[in-house]
Amino acid sequence: MWCEDCESIDEYFFETTWFWFFLPTTEAFGKLAVLCGEKNLEAYQAGEQPG
């Protein structure tokens, strides 16, 4: 069973600690990989790329 509140809590802890305490599973590692990719893309699009 999953709920919006659980997801919000999960996201809060990740944003605060950069680690999923509630879901140390393959799903969490998948989320981590995707989020890291998104953060890198956001930084690139924001003009933080070299040059």
PDB file of N, CA and C in Angstrom:
ATOM      1  N   MET A   1       0.839  -1.186   0.000  1.00  0.00           N
ATOM      2  CA  MET A   1       0.000   0.000   0.000  1.00  0.00           C
ATOM      3  C   MET A   1       0.885   1.250   0.000  1.00  0.00           C
ATOM      4  N   TRP A   2       0.488   2.227  -0.788  1.00  0.00           N
ATOM      5  CA  TRP A   2       1.291   3.445  -0.911  1.00  0.00           C
ATOM      6  C   TRP A   2       0.365   4.645  -0.819  1.00  0.00           C
ATOM      7  N   CYS A   3       0.852   5.729  -0.328  1.00  0.00           N
ATOM      8  CA  CYS A   3       0.009   6.913  -0.198  1.00  0.00           C
ATOM      9  C   CYS A   3       0.820   8.164  -0.488  1.00  0.00           C
ATOM     10  N   GLU A   4       0.120   9.240  -0.785  1.00  0.00           N
ATOM     11  CA  GLU A   4       0.788  10.507  -1.100  1.00  0.00           C
ATOM     12  C   GLU A   4       1.610  11.010   0.077  1.00  0.00           C
ATOM     13  N   ASP A   5       1.071  10.855   1.299  1.00  0.00           N
ATOM     14  CA  ASP A   5       1.794  11.323   2.483  1.00  0.00           C
ATOM     15  C   ASP A   5       3.112  10.584   2.641  1.00  0.00           C
ATOM     16  N   CYS A   6       3.076   9.270   2.417  1.00  0.00           N
ATOM     17  CA  CYS A   6       4.308   8.481   2.537  1.00  0.00           C
ATOM     18  C   CYS A   6       5.332   8.967   1.518  1.00  0.00           C
ATOM     19  N   GLU A   7       4.869   9.241   0.325  1.00  0.00           N
ATOM     20  CA  GLU A   7       5.776   9.707  -0.715  1.00  0.00           C
ATOM     21  C   GLU A   7       6.353  11.073  -0.354  1.00  0.00           C
ATOM     22  N   SER A   8       5.529  11.942   0.200  1.00  0.00           N
ATOM     23  CA  SER A   8       6.003  13.264   0.601  1.00  0.00           C
ATOM     24  C   SER A   8       7.069  13.158   1.684  1.00  0.00           C
ATOM     25  N   ILE A   9       6.829  12.292   2.657  1.00  0.00           N
ATOM     26  CA  ILE A   9       7.805  12.080   3.729  1.00  0.00           C
ATOM     27  C   ILE A   9       9.100  11.540   3.146  1.00  0.00           C
ATOM     28  N   ASP A  10       8.971  10.564   2.248  1.00  0.00           N
ATOM     29  CA  ASP A  10      10.135   9.957   1.612  1.00  0.00           C
ATOM     30  C   ASP A  10      10.940  11.016   0.862  1.00  0.00           C
ATOM     31  N   GLU A  11      10.251  11.862   0.107  1.00  0.00           N
ATOM     32  CA  GLU A  11      10.934  12.910  -0.646  1.00  0.00           C
ATOM     33  C   GLU A  11      11.589  13.923   0.282  1.00  0.00           C
ATOM     34  N   TYR A  12      10.911  14.253   1.384  1.00  0.00           N
ATOM     35  CA  TYR A  12      11.476  15.212   2.334  1.00  0.00           C
ATOM     36  C   TYR A  12      12.802  14.695   2.893  1.00  0.00           C
ATOM     37  N   PHE A  13      12.808  13.428   3.323  1.00  0.00           N
ATOM     38  CA  PHE A  13      14.043  12.879   3.885  1.00  0.00           C
ATOM     39  C   PHE A  13      15.132  12.805   2.835  1.00  0.00           C
ATOM     40  N   PHE A  14      14.765  12.486   1.600  1.00  0.00           N
ATOM     41  CA  PHE A  14      15.792  12.418   0.569  1.00  0.00           C
ATOM     42  C   PHE A  14      16.374  13.800   0.300  1.00  0.00           C
ATOM     43  N   GLU A  15      15.494  14.798   0.184  1.00  0.00           N
ATOM     44  CA  GLU A  15      15.975  16.152  -0.092  1.00  0.00           C
ATOM     45  C   GLU A  15      16.836  16.679   1.046  1.00  0.00           C
ATOM     46  N   THR A  16      16.544  16.252   2.271  1.00  0.00           N
ATOM     47  CA  THR A  16      17.273  16.731   3.437  1.00  0.00           C
ATOM     48  C   THR A  16      18.584  15.977   3.628  1.00  0.00           C
ATOM     49  N   THR A  17      18.568  14.672   3.405  1.00  0.00           N
ATOM     50  CA  THR A  17      19.733  13.848   3.728  1.00  0.00           C
ATOM     51  C   THR A  17      20.370  13.205   2.506  1.00  0.00           C
ATOM     52  N   TRP A  18      19.738  13.330   1.353  1.00  0.00           N
ATOM     53  CA  TRP A  18      20.176  12.656   0.132  1.00  0.00           C
ATOM     54  C   TRP A  18      20.245  11.141   0.305  1.00  0.00           C
ATOM     55  N   PHE A  19      19.329  10.609   1.115  1.00  0.00           N
ATOM     56  CA  PHE A  19      19.257   9.151   1.267  1.00  0.00           C
ATOM     57  C   PHE A  19      17.843   8.766   1.626  1.00  0.00           C
ATOM     58  N   TRP A  20      17.357   7.692   1.055  1.00  0.00           N
ATOM     59  CA  TRP A  20      16.024   7.200   1.382  1.00  0.00           C
ATOM     60  C   TRP A  20      16.105   6.278   2.580  1.00  0.00           C
ATOM     61  N   PHE A  21      15.579   6.743   3.715  1.00  0.00           N
ATOM     62  CA  PHE A  21      15.554   5.902   4.904  1.00  0.00           C
ATOM     63  C   PHE A  21      14.391   4.931   4.864  1.00  0.00           C
ATOM     64  N   PHE A  22      13.282   5.341   4.249  1.00  0.00           N
ATOM     65  CA  PHE A  22      12.066   4.543   4.293  1.00  0.00           C
ATOM     66  C   PHE A  22      12.062   3.434   3.253  1.00  0.00           C
ATOM     67  N   LEU A  23      12.775   3.629   2.156  1.00  0.00           N
ATOM     68  CA  LEU A  23      12.746   2.634   1.087  1.00  0.00           C
ATOM     69  C   LEU A  23      14.147   2.290   0.602  1.00  0.00           C
ATOM     70  N   PRO A  24      14.932   1.610   1.427  1.00  0.00           N
ATOM     71  CA  PRO A  24      16.274   1.223   0.970  1.00  0.00           C
ATOM     72  C   PRO A  24      16.178   0.004   0.052  1.00  0.00           C
ATOM     73  N   THR A  25      15.540   0.169  -1.087  1.00  0.00           N
ATOM     74  CA  THR A  25      15.269  -0.931  -2.008  1.00  0.00           C
ATOM     75  C   THR A  25      15.796  -0.579  -3.384  1.00  0.00           C
ATOM     76  N   THR A  26      15.595  -1.492  -4.305  1.00  0.00           N
ATOM     77  CA  THR A  26      15.999  -1.223  -5.681  1.00  0.00           C
ATOM     78  C   THR A  26      15.224  -0.055  -6.243  1.00  0.00           C
ATOM     79  N   GLU A  27      13.974   0.086  -5.819  1.00  0.00           N
ATOM     80  CA  GLU A  27      13.176   1.223  -6.292  1.00  0.00           C
ATOM     81  C   GLU A  27      13.815   2.537  -5.859  1.00  0.00           C
ATOM     82  N   ALA A  28      14.289   2.585  -4.613  1.00  0.00           N
ATOM     83  CA  ALA A  28      14.925   3.796  -4.103  1.00  0.00           C
ATOM     84  C   ALA A  28      16.206   4.100  -4.879  1.00  0.00           C
ATOM     85  N   PHE A  29      16.986   3.068  -5.164  1.00  0.00           N
ATOM     86  CA  PHE A  29      18.218   3.292  -5.916  1.00  0.00           C
ATOM     87  C   PHE A  29      17.905   3.738  -7.342  1.00  0.00           C
ATOM     88  N   GLY A  30      16.810   3.206  -7.894  1.00  0.00           N
ATOM     89  CA  GLY A  30      16.370   3.655  -9.214  1.00  0.00           C
ATOM     90  C   GLY A  30      15.984   5.117  -9.189  1.00  0.00           C
ATOM     91  N   LYS A  31      15.236   5.507  -8.141  1.00  0.00           N
ATOM     92  CA  LYS A  31      14.849   6.914  -7.980  1.00  0.00           C
ATOM     93  C   LYS A  31      16.097   7.781  -7.855  1.00  0.00           C
ATOM     94  N   LEU A  32      17.057   7.308  -7.088  1.00  0.00           N
ATOM     95  CA  LEU A  32      18.283   8.063  -6.868  1.00  0.00           C
ATOM     96  C   LEU A  32      19.001   8.302  -8.192  1.00  0.00           C
ATOM     97  N   ALA A  33      19.112   7.252  -9.004  1.00  0.00           N
ATOM     98  CA  ALA A  33      19.785   7.378 -10.288  1.00  0.00           C
ATOM     99  C   ALA A  33      19.060   8.370 -11.189  1.00  0.00           C
ATOM    100  N   VAL A  34      17.742   8.283 -11.229  1.00  0.00           N
ATOM    101  CA  VAL A  34      16.955   9.195 -12.058  1.00  0.00           C
ATOM    102  C   VAL A  34      17.095  10.620 -11.556  1.00  0.00           C
ATOM    103  N   LEU A  35      17.005  10.800 -10.233  1.00  0.00           N
ATOM    104  CA  LEU A  35      17.080  12.142  -9.669  1.00  0.00           C
ATOM    105  C   LEU A  35      18.450  12.754  -9.921  1.00  0.00           C
ATOM    106  N   CYS A  36      19.506  11.976  -9.775  1.00  0.00           N
ATOM    107  CA  CYS A  36      20.850  12.493 -10.040  1.00  0.00           C
ATOM    108  C   CYS A  36      20.956  12.933 -11.495  1.00  0.00           C
ATOM    109  N   GLY A  37      20.397  12.140 -12.385  1.00  0.00           N
ATOM    110  CA  GLY A  37      20.394  12.508 -13.796  1.00  0.00           C
ATOM    111  C   GLY A  37      19.629  13.797 -14.028  1.00  0.00           C
ATOM    112  N   GLU A  38      18.480  13.937 -13.358  1.00  0.00           N
ATOM    113  CA  GLU A  38      17.673  15.144 -13.506  1.00  0.00           C
ATOM    114  C   GLU A  38      18.403  16.355 -12.946  1.00  0.00           C
ATOM    115  N   LYS A  39      19.066  16.194 -11.801  1.00  0.00           N
ATOM    116  CA  LYS A  39      19.788  17.313 -11.194  1.00  0.00           C
ATOM    117  C   LYS A  39      20.915  17.766 -12.113  1.00  0.00           C
ATOM    118  N   ASN A  40      21.625  16.809 -12.703  1.00  0.00           N
ATOM    119  CA  ASN A  40      22.705  17.159 -13.617  1.00  0.00           C
ATOM    120  C   ASN A  40      22.162  17.891 -14.836  1.00  0.00           C
ATOM    121  N   LEU A  41      21.014  17.424 -15.335  1.00  0.00           N
ATOM    122  CA  LEU A  41      20.400  18.067 -16.490  1.00  0.00           C
ATOM    123  C   LEU A  41      19.944  19.476 -16.138  1.00  0.00           C
ATOM    124  N   GLU A  42      19.334  19.641 -14.961  1.00  0.00           N
ATOM    125  CA  GLU A  42      18.887  20.962 -14.526  1.00  0.00           C
ATOM    126  C   GLU A  42      20.071  21.920 -14.406  1.00  0.00           C
ATOM    127  N   ALA A  43      21.160  21.447 -13.838  1.00  0.00           N
ATOM    128  CA  ALA A  43      22.349  22.281 -13.685  1.00  0.00           C
ATOM    129  C   ALA A  43      22.879  22.684 -15.062  1.00  0.00           C
ATOM    130  N   TYR A  44      22.874  21.740 -15.981  1.00  0.00           N
ATOM    131  CA  TYR A  44      23.345  22.015 -17.337  1.00  0.00           C
ATOM    132  C   TYR A  44      22.459  23.060 -18.010  1.00  0.00           C
ATOM    133  N   GLN A  45      21.142  22.880 -17.876  1.00  0.00           N
ATOM    134  CA  GLN A  45      20.205  23.801 -18.512  1.00  0.00           C
ATOM    135  C   GLN A  45      20.237  25.179 -17.857  1.00  0.00           C
ATOM    136  N   ALA A  46      20.622  25.229 -16.584  1.00  0.00           N
ATOM    137  CA  ALA A  46      20.680  26.506 -15.869  1.00  0.00           C
ATOM    138  C   ALA A  46      21.943  27.299 -16.229  1.00  0.00           C
ATOM    139  N   GLY A  47      22.784  26.729 -17.082  1.00  0.00           N
ATOM    140  CA  GLY A  47      23.961  27.457 -17.531  1.00  0.00           C
ATOM    141  C   GLY A  47      25.191  27.174 -16.701  1.00  0.00           C
ATOM    142  N   GLU A  48      25.200  26.058 -15.991  1.00  0.00           N
ATOM    143  CA  GLU A  48      26.350  25.729 -15.158  1.00  0.00           C
ATOM    144  C   GLU A  48      27.326  24.804 -15.881  1.00  0.00           C
ATOM    145  N   GLN A  49      27.115  24.628 -17.180  1.00  0.00           N
ATOM    146  CA  GLN A  49      28.014  23.765 -17.924  1.00  0.00           C
ATOM    147  C   GLN A  49      29.354  24.460 -18.147  1.00  0.00           C
ATOM    148  N   PRO A  50      30.403  23.691 -18.334  1.00  0.00           N
ATOM    149  CA  PRO A  50      31.727  24.275 -18.568  1.00  0.00           C
ATOM    150  C   PRO A  50      31.724  25.138 -19.829  1.00  0.00           C
ATOM    151  N   GLY A  51      32.506  26.208 -19.810  1.00  0.00           N
ATOM    152  CA  GLY A  51      32.629  27.048 -20.974  1.00  0.00           C
ATOM    153  C   GLY A  51      31.599  28.130 -20.985  1.00  0.00           C
TER     154      GLY A  51
END
